Amino acid sequence: MNRLTAEQKIKPHWWLKTFAGAILGFTFSYAIVAIFAWFGSGGIGATAKIQFNMWMISPIWLLVLSFSYLFKTGVKAIIYLLSFNIIAYSVFFFLRWVS
């Protein structure tokens, strides 16, 4: 069994990874829920969907927060989560523009 080199190990950049997961994960979960809320079944006005949308933000956010510690460095966590945010909000605003 080979030992991991210094570049292969996951670095303990706890503050940056926590920031990325907490802030960027929160905005990413809002984007995912917004896409579902506006373009899911029934649209934004569906009464049964309001509570579901509200409660789905937390599990998505906590899932992203917990997986943010698996990035090799904190900077990579910020870059990737920022990229995911840009993509998710771009999809949301593009779909709003098209419809």
N, C-alpha and C. Protein backbone atom coordinates (compact mmCIF):
# COMPACT_ATOMS: atom_id res chain seq x y z
N MET A 1 0.84 -1.17 0.00
CA MET A 1 0.00 0.00 0.00
C MET A 1 0.89 1.24 0.00
N ASN A 2 0.62 2.13 -0.91
CA ASN A 2 1.42 3.35 -1.03
C ASN A 2 0.88 4.44 -0.13
N ARG A 3 1.77 5.24 0.38
CA ARG A 3 1.36 6.40 1.18
C ARG A 3 1.04 7.55 0.24
N LEU A 4 0.15 8.41 0.66
CA LEU A 4 -0.22 9.57 -0.13
C LEU A 4 0.86 10.64 -0.04
N THR A 5 1.09 11.31 -1.15
CA THR A 5 2.04 12.42 -1.14
C THR A 5 1.34 13.64 -0.53
N ALA A 6 2.11 14.67 -0.32
CA ALA A 6 1.56 15.89 0.29
C ALA A 6 0.50 16.54 -0.59
N GLU A 7 0.64 16.42 -1.91
CA GLU A 7 -0.34 17.02 -2.81
C GLU A 7 -1.62 16.20 -2.91
N GLN A 8 -1.57 14.92 -2.60
CA GLN A 8 -2.75 14.07 -2.68
C GLN A 8 -3.62 14.12 -1.43
N LYS A 9 -3.07 14.58 -0.34
CA LYS A 9 -3.82 14.63 0.91
C LYS A 9 -4.80 15.79 0.92
N ILE A 10 -5.89 15.61 1.66
CA ILE A 10 -6.86 16.68 1.84
C ILE A 10 -6.32 17.63 2.90
N LYS A 11 -6.21 18.90 2.55
CA LYS A 11 -5.64 19.90 3.45
C LYS A 11 -6.70 20.36 4.46
N PRO A 12 -6.30 20.62 5.69
CA PRO A 12 -7.27 21.04 6.71
C PRO A 12 -7.50 22.55 6.72
N HIS A 13 -8.03 23.08 5.63
CA HIS A 13 -8.36 24.51 5.57
C HIS A 13 -9.79 24.69 6.09
N TRP A 14 -9.97 24.53 7.38
CA TRP A 14 -11.30 24.47 7.95
C TRP A 14 -12.08 25.77 7.78
N TRP A 15 -11.42 26.90 7.96
CA TRP A 15 -12.15 28.17 7.88
C TRP A 15 -12.64 28.45 6.47
N LEU A 16 -11.80 28.22 5.48
CA LEU A 16 -12.22 28.46 4.10
C LEU A 16 -13.29 27.47 3.66
N LYS A 17 -13.14 26.21 4.06
CA LYS A 17 -14.13 25.21 3.68
C LYS A 17 -15.46 25.47 4.38
N THR A 18 -15.42 25.91 5.62
CA THR A 18 -16.65 26.25 6.33
C THR A 18 -17.32 27.46 5.71
N PHE A 19 -16.53 28.47 5.35
CA PHE A 19 -17.08 29.65 4.67
C PHE A 19 -17.73 29.25 3.36
N ALA A 20 -17.03 28.43 2.58
CA ALA A 20 -17.56 28.02 1.28
C ALA A 20 -18.86 27.25 1.45
N GLY A 21 -18.87 26.30 2.37
CA GLY A 21 -20.08 25.50 2.57
C GLY A 21 -21.22 26.29 3.16
N ALA A 22 -20.92 27.18 4.09
CA ALA A 22 -21.98 27.93 4.76
C ALA A 22 -22.58 29.01 3.86
N ILE A 23 -21.75 29.84 3.30
CA ILE A 23 -22.25 30.97 2.51
C ILE A 23 -22.61 30.54 1.09
N LEU A 24 -21.66 29.94 0.39
CA LEU A 24 -21.93 29.57 -1.00
C LEU A 24 -22.87 28.37 -1.09
N GLY A 25 -22.83 27.49 -0.10
CA GLY A 25 -23.79 26.40 -0.08
C GLY A 25 -25.21 26.89 0.15
N PHE A 26 -25.35 27.91 0.98
CA PHE A 26 -26.67 28.49 1.24
C PHE A 26 -27.24 29.14 -0.02
N THR A 27 -26.42 29.92 -0.71
CA THR A 27 -26.91 30.55 -1.94
C THR A 27 -27.17 29.52 -3.04
N PHE A 28 -26.39 28.45 -3.07
CA PHE A 28 -26.62 27.39 -4.04
C PHE A 28 -27.93 26.66 -3.75
N SER A 29 -28.22 26.41 -2.49
CA SER A 29 -29.48 25.75 -2.15
C SER A 29 -30.67 26.63 -2.50
N TYR A 30 -30.54 27.92 -2.33
CA TYR A 30 -31.60 28.83 -2.75
C TYR A 30 -31.81 28.77 -4.26
N ALA A 31 -30.74 28.68 -5.03
CA ALA A 31 -30.88 28.61 -6.48
C ALA A 31 -31.58 27.33 -6.91
N ILE A 32 -31.21 26.21 -6.31
CA ILE A 32 -31.83 24.94 -6.66
C ILE A 32 -33.31 24.95 -6.31
N VAL A 33 -33.65 25.45 -5.14
CA VAL A 33 -35.06 25.51 -4.73
C VAL A 33 -35.82 26.53 -5.58
N ALA A 34 -35.19 27.61 -5.97
CA ALA A 34 -35.85 28.60 -6.83
C ALA A 34 -36.19 28.02 -8.20
N ILE A 35 -35.28 27.23 -8.75
CA ILE A 35 -35.55 26.59 -10.04
C ILE A 35 -36.74 25.65 -9.90
N PHE A 36 -36.77 24.86 -8.83
CA PHE A 36 -37.90 23.96 -8.62
C PHE A 36 -39.19 24.73 -8.36
N ALA A 37 -39.10 25.79 -7.57
CA ALA A 37 -40.31 26.54 -7.20
C ALA A 37 -40.95 27.20 -8.42
N TRP A 38 -40.13 27.80 -9.27
CA TRP A 38 -40.68 28.52 -10.41
C TRP A 38 -41.07 27.60 -11.56
N PHE A 39 -40.29 26.54 -11.76
CA PHE A 39 -40.49 25.74 -12.96
C PHE A 39 -40.93 24.31 -12.68
N GLY A 40 -41.19 23.98 -11.43
CA GLY A 40 -41.71 22.67 -11.07
C GLY A 40 -43.21 22.61 -11.35
N SER A 41 -43.83 21.52 -10.99
CA SER A 41 -45.26 21.37 -11.27
C SER A 41 -46.07 22.40 -10.50
N GLY A 42 -46.98 23.04 -11.18
CA GLY A 42 -47.84 24.04 -10.55
C GLY A 42 -47.28 25.45 -10.56
N GLY A 43 -46.01 25.61 -10.85
CA GLY A 43 -45.41 26.94 -10.88
C GLY A 43 -45.24 27.53 -9.49
N ILE A 44 -45.02 28.83 -9.45
CA ILE A 44 -44.74 29.50 -8.18
C ILE A 44 -45.99 29.63 -7.32
N GLY A 45 -47.17 29.56 -7.92
CA GLY A 45 -48.40 29.78 -7.17
C GLY A 45 -49.00 28.55 -6.53
N ALA A 46 -48.38 27.39 -6.67
CA ALA A 46 -48.95 26.17 -6.09
C ALA A 46 -48.91 26.25 -4.57
N THR A 47 -50.06 26.05 -3.93
CA THR A 47 -50.13 26.23 -2.48
C THR A 47 -49.43 25.13 -1.72
N ALA A 48 -49.48 23.91 -2.21
CA ALA A 48 -48.85 22.80 -1.48
C ALA A 48 -47.33 22.84 -1.59
N LYS A 49 -46.81 23.56 -2.55
CA LYS A 49 -45.38 23.59 -2.77
C LYS A 49 -44.65 24.59 -1.90
N ILE A 50 -45.34 25.52 -1.30
CA ILE A 50 -44.69 26.58 -0.53
C ILE A 50 -43.94 26.00 0.67
N GLN A 51 -44.58 25.16 1.45
CA GLN A 51 -43.93 24.56 2.61
C GLN A 51 -42.81 23.62 2.20
N PHE A 52 -43.04 22.87 1.13
CA PHE A 52 -42.00 21.95 0.65
C PHE A 52 -40.75 22.72 0.25
N ASN A 53 -40.92 23.81 -0.48
CA ASN A 53 -39.77 24.62 -0.90
C ASN A 53 -39.02 25.17 0.30
N MET A 54 -39.77 25.64 1.28
CA MET A 54 -39.14 26.21 2.47
C MET A 54 -38.32 25.16 3.21
N TRP A 55 -38.86 23.96 3.34
CA TRP A 55 -38.17 22.92 4.10
C TRP A 55 -37.07 22.23 3.31
N MET A 56 -37.02 22.36 2.01
CA MET A 56 -35.98 21.72 1.21
C MET A 56 -34.67 22.50 1.20
N ILE A 57 -34.69 23.75 1.58
CA ILE A 57 -33.46 24.55 1.61
C ILE A 57 -32.46 23.97 2.60
N SER A 58 -32.92 23.62 3.78
CA SER A 58 -32.01 23.13 4.83
C SER A 58 -31.30 21.82 4.48
N PRO A 59 -32.00 20.78 4.00
CA PRO A 59 -31.26 19.56 3.66
C PRO A 59 -30.25 19.74 2.54
N ILE A 60 -30.61 20.53 1.53
CA ILE A 60 -29.67 20.78 0.44
C ILE A 60 -28.46 21.54 0.96
N TRP A 61 -28.71 22.57 1.77
CA TRP A 61 -27.64 23.38 2.32
C TRP A 61 -26.70 22.53 3.18
N LEU A 62 -27.26 21.72 4.06
CA LEU A 62 -26.42 20.90 4.94
C LEU A 62 -25.66 19.82 4.17
N LEU A 63 -26.25 19.32 3.09
CA LEU A 63 -25.54 18.36 2.26
C LEU A 63 -24.33 19.01 1.60
N VAL A 64 -24.51 20.20 1.06
CA VAL A 64 -23.39 20.93 0.44
C VAL A 64 -22.36 21.30 1.50
N LEU A 65 -22.80 21.73 2.67
CA LEU A 65 -21.88 22.09 3.75
C LEU A 65 -21.04 20.89 4.17
N SER A 66 -21.67 19.73 4.30
CA SER A 66 -20.91 18.56 4.73
C SER A 66 -19.94 18.07 3.66
N PHE A 67 -20.33 18.18 2.39
CA PHE A 67 -19.43 17.75 1.33
C PHE A 67 -18.33 18.77 1.04
N SER A 68 -18.46 19.99 1.53
CA SER A 68 -17.43 20.99 1.27
C SER A 68 -16.11 20.64 1.95
N TYR A 69 -16.14 19.81 2.97
CA TYR A 69 -14.91 19.41 3.65
C TYR A 69 -14.14 18.34 2.88
N LEU A 70 -14.71 17.82 1.82
CA LEU A 70 -14.03 16.81 1.02
C LEU A 70 -13.17 17.41 -0.09
N PHE A 71 -13.24 18.72 -0.30
CA PHE A 71 -12.36 19.36 -1.27
C PHE A 71 -10.93 19.33 -0.75
N LYS A 72 -9.97 19.29 -1.65
CA LYS A 72 -8.57 19.20 -1.23
C LYS A 72 -8.12 20.44 -0.48
N THR A 73 -8.50 21.61 -0.97
CA THR A 73 -8.14 22.86 -0.30
C THR A 73 -9.39 23.73 -0.15
N GLY A 74 -9.28 24.73 0.70
CA GLY A 74 -10.38 25.66 0.88
C GLY A 74 -10.61 26.54 -0.34
N VAL A 75 -9.54 26.87 -1.03
CA VAL A 75 -9.66 27.71 -2.22
C VAL A 75 -10.41 26.96 -3.32
N LYS A 76 -10.12 25.65 -3.46
CA LYS A 76 -10.85 24.85 -4.45
C LYS A 76 -12.32 24.75 -4.09
N ALA A 77 -12.63 24.66 -2.80
CA ALA A 77 -14.03 24.61 -2.38
C ALA A 77 -14.74 25.90 -2.76
N ILE A 78 -14.09 27.03 -2.55
CA ILE A 78 -14.69 28.32 -2.91
C ILE A 78 -14.87 28.43 -4.41
N ILE A 79 -13.85 28.04 -5.17
CA ILE A 79 -13.92 28.14 -6.64
C ILE A 79 -15.03 27.26 -7.19
N TYR A 80 -15.08 26.01 -6.74
CA TYR A 80 -16.10 25.10 -7.26
C TYR A 80 -17.50 25.51 -6.84
N LEU A 81 -17.69 25.88 -5.60
CA LEU A 81 -19.03 26.27 -5.17
C LEU A 81 -19.46 27.60 -5.79
N LEU A 82 -18.53 28.50 -6.00
CA LEU A 82 -18.85 29.73 -6.71
C LEU A 82 -19.24 29.43 -8.15
N SER A 83 -18.55 28.49 -8.78
CA SER A 83 -18.90 28.08 -10.15
C SER A 83 -20.29 27.45 -10.19
N PHE A 84 -20.59 26.59 -9.21
CA PHE A 84 -21.91 25.97 -9.16
C PHE A 84 -23.00 27.02 -8.96
N ASN A 85 -22.71 28.04 -8.14
CA ASN A 85 -23.67 29.12 -7.95
C ASN A 85 -23.92 29.88 -9.25
N ILE A 86 -22.85 30.20 -9.95
CA ILE A 86 -22.99 30.94 -11.21
C ILE A 86 -23.80 30.13 -12.21
N ILE A 87 -23.53 28.84 -12.30
CA ILE A 87 -24.27 27.99 -13.23
C ILE A 87 -25.74 27.89 -12.83
N ALA A 88 -26.01 27.67 -11.55
CA ALA A 88 -27.40 27.51 -11.10
C ALA A 88 -28.20 28.79 -11.29
N TYR A 89 -27.63 29.93 -10.94
CA TYR A 89 -28.35 31.19 -11.13
C TYR A 89 -28.46 31.56 -12.60
N SER A 90 -27.49 31.19 -13.41
CA SER A 90 -27.59 31.42 -14.85
C SER A 90 -28.73 30.60 -15.44
N VAL A 91 -28.85 29.35 -15.02
CA VAL A 91 -29.96 28.51 -15.48
C VAL A 91 -31.30 29.11 -15.04
N PHE A 92 -31.36 29.55 -13.78
CA PHE A 92 -32.60 30.13 -13.27
C PHE A 92 -33.00 31.38 -14.05
N PHE A 93 -32.07 32.32 -14.25
CA PHE A 93 -32.41 33.55 -14.95
C PHE A 93 -32.65 33.31 -16.44
N PHE A 94 -31.98 32.32 -17.02
CA PHE A 94 -32.23 31.99 -18.42
C PHE A 94 -33.64 31.43 -18.58
N LEU A 95 -34.03 30.55 -17.68
CA LEU A 95 -35.38 29.99 -17.75
C LEU A 95 -36.45 31.05 -17.50
N ARG A 96 -36.16 32.00 -16.60
CA ARG A 96 -37.10 33.10 -16.37
C ARG A 96 -37.20 33.98 -17.61
N TRP A 97 -36.08 34.16 -18.31
CA TRP A 97 -36.08 35.00 -19.51
C TRP A 97 -36.83 34.32 -20.65
N VAL A 98 -36.66 33.01 -20.78
CA VAL A 98 -37.29 32.26 -21.86
C VAL A 98 -38.81 32.18 -21.66
N SER A 99 -39.24 31.99 -20.42
CA SER A 99 -40.69 31.80 -20.21
C SER A 99 -41.45 33.09 -20.09
